[in-house]
Amino acid sequence: MSSYDKLSDQKLASFFVEINKNIKKGKLSKAMNYEIALIQAVADKRGLSKLDLQKLYLKSARYL
C-alpha cells in the first residue's frame, strides 16, 4: 500500500494534475513519472480514469 491509498479522491486528483503540470513546465524531474504511475495505480483500483482525475481536480478547485 502506498501513501496515495490513504488520500481522498480529490487529493489524489490534485497530486496527479499538479505533478503533471510541473513535469511539463520542467519544475519537476521526469523521475516524478514514477509518482504518477503510483497515483494511476491507486486511481485504477478506485475505478478512476485520467479524465476522472482531471474532472475531480477542476471540481475541487472551484471550491478553493
Protein backbone atom coordinates (compact mmCIF):
# COMPACT_ATOMS: atom_id res chain seq x y z
CA MET A 1 0.00 0.00 0.00
CA SER A 2 1.35 3.42 -0.94
CA SER A 3 0.65 6.65 0.90
CA TYR A 4 -1.57 7.61 -2.04
CA ASP A 5 -4.04 4.91 -0.98
CA LYS A 6 -4.86 6.98 2.10
CA LEU A 7 -5.80 10.12 0.16
CA SER A 8 -9.32 11.15 -0.79
CA ASP A 9 -10.20 11.08 -4.48
CA GLN A 10 -9.95 14.88 -4.60
CA LYS A 11 -6.47 14.96 -3.05
CA LEU A 12 -5.33 12.14 -5.32
CA ALA A 13 -6.59 14.11 -8.32
CA SER A 14 -4.80 17.24 -7.12
CA PHE A 15 -1.48 15.43 -6.82
CA PHE A 16 -1.97 13.86 -10.25
CA VAL A 17 -2.73 17.13 -12.04
CA GLU A 18 -0.19 19.30 -10.21
CA ILE A 19 2.68 16.82 -10.60
CA ASN A 20 1.90 16.51 -14.32
CA LYS A 21 1.79 20.30 -14.71
CA ASN A 22 5.14 20.70 -13.00
CA ILE A 23 6.76 17.93 -15.06
CA LYS A 24 5.60 19.64 -18.26
CA LYS A 25 6.92 23.02 -17.05
CA GLY A 26 10.27 21.43 -16.18
CA LYS A 27 9.92 22.21 -12.49
CA LEU A 28 9.97 18.54 -11.53
CA SER A 29 12.16 15.85 -13.00
CA LYS A 30 10.95 13.15 -15.31
CA ALA A 31 11.58 10.77 -12.39
CA MET A 32 8.31 12.06 -10.98
CA ASN A 33 6.65 9.91 -13.62
CA TYR A 34 7.11 7.11 -11.06
CA GLU A 35 4.87 9.06 -8.69
CA ILE A 36 2.33 9.49 -11.48
CA ALA A 37 2.38 5.72 -12.01
CA LEU A 38 1.71 5.15 -8.29
CA ILE A 39 -1.18 7.61 -8.38
CA GLN A 40 -2.60 5.98 -11.50
CA ALA A 41 -2.41 2.55 -9.86
CA VAL A 42 -4.47 3.81 -6.92
CA ALA A 43 -6.89 5.56 -9.28
CA ASP A 44 -7.27 2.33 -11.28
CA LYS A 45 -8.15 0.43 -8.10
CA ARG A 46 -10.83 3.04 -7.43
CA GLY A 47 -12.12 2.90 -11.00
CA LEU A 48 -10.97 6.45 -11.80
CA SER A 49 -9.60 7.32 -15.23
CA LYS A 50 -7.18 10.16 -16.03
CA LEU A 51 -10.17 12.17 -17.20
CA ASP A 52 -11.99 11.45 -13.93
CA LEU A 53 -8.96 12.74 -12.01
CA GLN A 54 -8.87 15.92 -14.08
CA LYS A 55 -12.59 16.49 -13.54
CA LEU A 56 -12.26 15.95 -9.79
CA TYR A 57 -9.37 18.42 -9.71
CA LEU A 58 -11.36 21.07 -11.56
CA LYS A 59 -14.40 20.48 -9.35
CA SER A 60 -12.39 20.83 -6.14
CA ALA A 61 -10.52 23.89 -7.48
CA ARG A 62 -13.83 25.74 -7.79
CA TYR A 63 -14.33 25.48 -4.05
CA LEU A 64 -10.95 26.91 -3.05
